[in-house]
Amino acid sequence: MASSARIAVLFVPALTLCALSCGRSEPPLGRQDPAYKIPAMKSAVGDKDVAAIPRLIDALDSDDSAVRLYAIIALEKLTGQTLDYEFYADRPDRQPAIQRWKQWLTGHRPTTQPATRQA
């Protein structure tokens, strides 16, 4: 019986930890918590995931200045542009640049398909 109790003491926490973390994909950009959102932005840049651009544009209006900073850095790395967005500006002052990004998006709708190489 003591042996079974020891196994349970070791097995249950390990199973719980795995259930919380095993098989999870990259943190989604849609989460509001910067602890998830910022790593997801970094991942989108690393993966050259242009499908993330609409979410990055949404993040430009975040209440969190760090989220805004990482969003504009990610957008610049993915598109080569900032459209004069300043992450540190007050919300009303950021709005014209956010509108420029939304306008930019209408003409540059990202695709989820990877680019193909021509031989």
C-alpha atoms as a PDB file:
ATOM      1  CA  MET A   1       0.000   0.000   0.000  1.00  0.00           C
ATOM      2  CA  ALA A   2       2.824   2.411   0.823  1.00  0.00           C
ATOM      3  CA  SER A   3       4.311   1.684  -2.595  1.00  0.00           C
ATOM      4  CA  SER A   4       1.051   2.634  -4.332  1.00  0.00           C
ATOM      5  CA  ALA A   5       0.834   5.841  -2.340  1.00  0.00           C
ATOM      6  CA  ARG A   6       4.377   6.797  -3.368  1.00  0.00           C
ATOM      7  CA  ILE A   7       3.595   6.143  -7.004  1.00  0.00           C
ATOM      8  CA  ALA A   8       0.469   8.285  -6.739  1.00  0.00           C
ATOM      9  CA  VAL A   9       2.414  11.089  -5.072  1.00  0.00           C
ATOM     10  CA  LEU A  10       4.906  11.109  -7.952  1.00  0.00           C
ATOM     11  CA  PHE A  11       2.540  10.305 -10.809  1.00  0.00           C
ATOM     12  CA  VAL A  12      -0.323  12.725 -10.127  1.00  0.00           C
ATOM     13  CA  PRO A  13       1.804  15.914 -10.113  1.00  0.00           C
ATOM     14  CA  ALA A  14       3.656  14.774 -13.237  1.00  0.00           C
ATOM     15  CA  LEU A  15       0.379  14.048 -15.004  1.00  0.00           C
ATOM     16  CA  THR A  16      -1.030  17.419 -13.935  1.00  0.00           C
ATOM     17  CA  LEU A  17       2.059  19.243 -15.188  1.00  0.00           C
ATOM     18  CA  CYS A  18       1.867  17.445 -18.520  1.00  0.00           C
ATOM     19  CA  ALA A  19      -1.820  18.217 -18.848  1.00  0.00           C
ATOM     20  CA  LEU A  20      -1.048  21.885 -18.335  1.00  0.00           C
ATOM     21  CA  SER A  21       1.862  22.086 -20.750  1.00  0.00           C
ATOM     22  CA  CYS A  22       2.249  19.035 -22.980  1.00  0.00           C
ATOM     23  CA  GLY A  23       0.994  19.366 -26.514  1.00  0.00           C
ATOM     24  CA  ARG A  24       0.359  23.090 -26.335  1.00  0.00           C
ATOM     25  CA  SER A  25       1.016  25.061 -29.437  1.00  0.00           C
ATOM     26  CA  GLU A  26       2.700  28.448 -29.580  1.00  0.00           C
ATOM     27  CA  PRO A  27       0.942  31.128 -27.521  1.00  0.00           C
ATOM     28  CA  PRO A  28      -1.807  32.726 -29.604  1.00  0.00           C
ATOM     29  CA  LEU A  29      -1.762  36.394 -30.499  1.00  0.00           C
ATOM     30  CA  GLY A  30      -5.396  36.667 -29.498  1.00  0.00           C
ATOM     31  CA  ARG A  31      -4.656  36.383 -25.776  1.00  0.00           C
ATOM     32  CA  GLN A  32      -4.768  39.654 -23.844  1.00  0.00           C
ATOM     33  CA  ASP A  33      -2.033  38.737 -21.358  1.00  0.00           C
ATOM     34  CA  PRO A  34       1.312  40.210 -22.499  1.00  0.00           C
ATOM     35  CA  ALA A  35       3.055  37.127 -21.091  1.00  0.00           C
ATOM     36  CA  TYR A  36       1.426  35.164 -23.943  1.00  0.00           C
ATOM     37  CA  LYS A  37       0.978  37.870 -26.547  1.00  0.00           C
ATOM     38  CA  ILE A  38       4.607  39.074 -26.730  1.00  0.00           C
ATOM     39  CA  PRO A  39       6.128  35.592 -27.211  1.00  0.00           C
ATOM     40  CA  ALA A  40       3.488  34.938 -29.870  1.00  0.00           C
ATOM     41  CA  MET A  41       4.570  38.107 -31.674  1.00  0.00           C
ATOM     42  CA  LYS A  42       8.203  37.007 -31.548  1.00  0.00           C
ATOM     43  CA  SER A  43       7.190  33.616 -32.874  1.00  0.00           C
ATOM     44  CA  ALA A  44       5.196  35.172 -35.727  1.00  0.00           C
ATOM     45  CA  VAL A  45       8.263  37.142 -36.796  1.00  0.00           C
ATOM     46  CA  GLY A  46      10.525  34.113 -36.515  1.00  0.00           C
ATOM     47  CA  ASP A  47       8.105  32.072 -38.621  1.00  0.00           C
ATOM     48  CA  LYS A  48       7.577  34.959 -41.072  1.00  0.00           C
ATOM     49  CA  ASP A  49       3.869  34.476 -40.396  1.00  0.00           C
ATOM     50  CA  VAL A  50       2.219  37.230 -42.425  1.00  0.00           C
ATOM     51  CA  ALA A  51      -1.176  35.826 -41.444  1.00  0.00           C
ATOM     52  CA  ALA A  52      -0.482  37.330 -37.997  1.00  0.00           C
ATOM     53  CA  ILE A  53      -0.435  40.880 -39.394  1.00  0.00           C
ATOM     54  CA  PRO A  54      -4.132  41.649 -38.667  1.00  0.00           C
ATOM     55  CA  ARG A  55      -3.671  40.656 -35.000  1.00  0.00           C
ATOM     56  CA  LEU A  56      -0.470  42.689 -34.816  1.00  0.00           C
ATOM     57  CA  ILE A  57      -2.343  45.718 -36.139  1.00  0.00           C
ATOM     58  CA  ASP A  58      -5.023  45.166 -33.478  1.00  0.00           C
ATOM     59  CA  ALA A  59      -2.267  45.064 -30.840  1.00  0.00           C
ATOM     60  CA  LEU A  60      -1.174  48.583 -31.817  1.00  0.00           C
ATOM     61  CA  ASP A  61      -4.178  49.826 -29.819  1.00  0.00           C
ATOM     62  CA  SER A  62      -3.300  47.858 -26.667  1.00  0.00           C
ATOM     63  CA  ASP A  63      -3.347  49.537 -23.262  1.00  0.00           C
ATOM     64  CA  ASP A  64       0.049  47.935 -22.615  1.00  0.00           C
ATOM     65  CA  SER A  65       2.970  49.893 -24.068  1.00  0.00           C
ATOM     66  CA  ALA A  66       5.174  46.780 -24.216  1.00  0.00           C
ATOM     67  CA  VAL A  67       2.571  45.004 -26.347  1.00  0.00           C
ATOM     68  CA  ARG A  68       2.412  48.036 -28.641  1.00  0.00           C
ATOM     69  CA  LEU A  69       6.210  48.143 -28.899  1.00  0.00           C
ATOM     70  CA  TYR A  70       6.500  44.468 -29.820  1.00  0.00           C
ATOM     71  CA  ALA A  71       3.594  44.803 -32.246  1.00  0.00           C
ATOM     72  CA  ILE A  72       5.215  47.614 -34.222  1.00  0.00           C
ATOM     73  CA  ILE A  73       8.597  45.871 -34.177  1.00  0.00           C
ATOM     74  CA  ALA A  74       6.939  42.713 -35.517  1.00  0.00           C
ATOM     75  CA  LEU A  75       5.054  44.668 -38.175  1.00  0.00           C
ATOM     76  CA  GLU A  76       8.218  46.415 -39.280  1.00  0.00           C
ATOM     77  CA  LYS A  77      10.089  43.118 -39.533  1.00  0.00           C
ATOM     78  CA  LEU A  78       7.255  41.474 -41.486  1.00  0.00           C
ATOM     79  CA  THR A  79       6.405  44.401 -43.775  1.00  0.00           C
ATOM     80  CA  GLY A  80       9.424  46.699 -43.727  1.00  0.00           C
ATOM     81  CA  GLN A  81       7.214  49.605 -42.615  1.00  0.00           C
ATOM     82  CA  THR A  82       6.103  51.491 -39.503  1.00  0.00           C
ATOM     83  CA  LEU A  83       3.673  53.917 -41.174  1.00  0.00           C
ATOM     84  CA  ASP A  84       4.878  56.521 -38.637  1.00  0.00           C
ATOM     85  CA  TYR A  85       3.347  54.623 -35.706  1.00  0.00           C
ATOM     86  CA  GLU A  86       4.777  55.608 -32.306  1.00  0.00           C
ATOM     87  CA  PHE A  87       4.062  53.067 -29.567  1.00  0.00           C
ATOM     88  CA  TYR A  88       4.675  55.620 -26.787  1.00  0.00           C
ATOM     89  CA  ALA A  89       2.170  58.187 -28.072  1.00  0.00           C
ATOM     90  CA  ASP A  90      -1.110  58.798 -26.269  1.00  0.00           C
ATOM     91  CA  ARG A  91      -4.070  56.821 -27.582  1.00  0.00           C
ATOM     92  CA  PRO A  92      -5.626  59.703 -29.555  1.00  0.00           C
ATOM     93  CA  ASP A  93      -2.258  60.445 -31.152  1.00  0.00           C
ATOM     94  CA  ARG A  94      -1.803  56.770 -32.146  1.00  0.00           C
ATOM     95  CA  GLN A  95      -5.162  56.522 -33.900  1.00  0.00           C
ATOM     96  CA  PRO A  96      -4.169  58.080 -37.259  1.00  0.00           C
ATOM     97  CA  ALA A  97      -1.267  55.626 -37.624  1.00  0.00           C
ATOM     98  CA  ILE A  98      -3.504  52.711 -36.626  1.00  0.00           C
ATOM     99  CA  GLN A  99      -5.957  53.801 -39.320  1.00  0.00           C
ATOM    100  CA  ARG A 100      -3.068  53.901 -41.825  1.00  0.00           C
ATOM    101  CA  TRP A 101      -2.206  50.327 -40.855  1.00  0.00           C
ATOM    102  CA  LYS A 102      -5.828  49.241 -41.312  1.00  0.00           C
ATOM    103  CA  GLN A 103      -5.888  50.936 -44.705  1.00  0.00           C
ATOM    104  CA  TRP A 104      -2.583  49.275 -45.600  1.00  0.00           C
ATOM    105  CA  LEU A 105      -4.081  45.915 -44.656  1.00  0.00           C
ATOM    106  CA  THR A 106      -6.992  46.302 -47.070  1.00  0.00           C
ATOM    107  CA  GLY A 107      -4.533  46.489 -49.959  1.00  0.00           C
ATOM    108  CA  HIS A 108      -2.150  43.836 -48.640  1.00  0.00           C
ATOM    109  CA  ARG A 109      -4.377  41.094 -47.290  1.00  0.00           C
ATOM    110  CA  PRO A 110      -1.959  38.459 -45.955  1.00  0.00           C
ATOM    111  CA  THR A 111      -2.268  34.881 -47.057  1.00  0.00           C
ATOM    112  CA  THR A 112      -1.946  31.864 -44.827  1.00  0.00           C
ATOM    113  CA  GLN A 113      -0.315  29.944 -47.684  1.00  0.00           C
ATOM    114  CA  PRO A 114       3.479  29.788 -47.637  1.00  0.00           C
ATOM    115  CA  ALA A 115       5.259  31.446 -50.506  1.00  0.00           C
ATOM    116  CA  THR A 116       6.231  29.091 -53.290  1.00  0.00           C
ATOM    117  CA  ARG A 117       9.560  29.183 -55.043  1.00  0.00           C
ATOM    118  CA  GLN A 118       9.803  29.232 -58.770  1.00  0.00           C
ATOM    119  CA  ALA A 119      12.457  27.027 -60.330  1.00  0.00           C
END
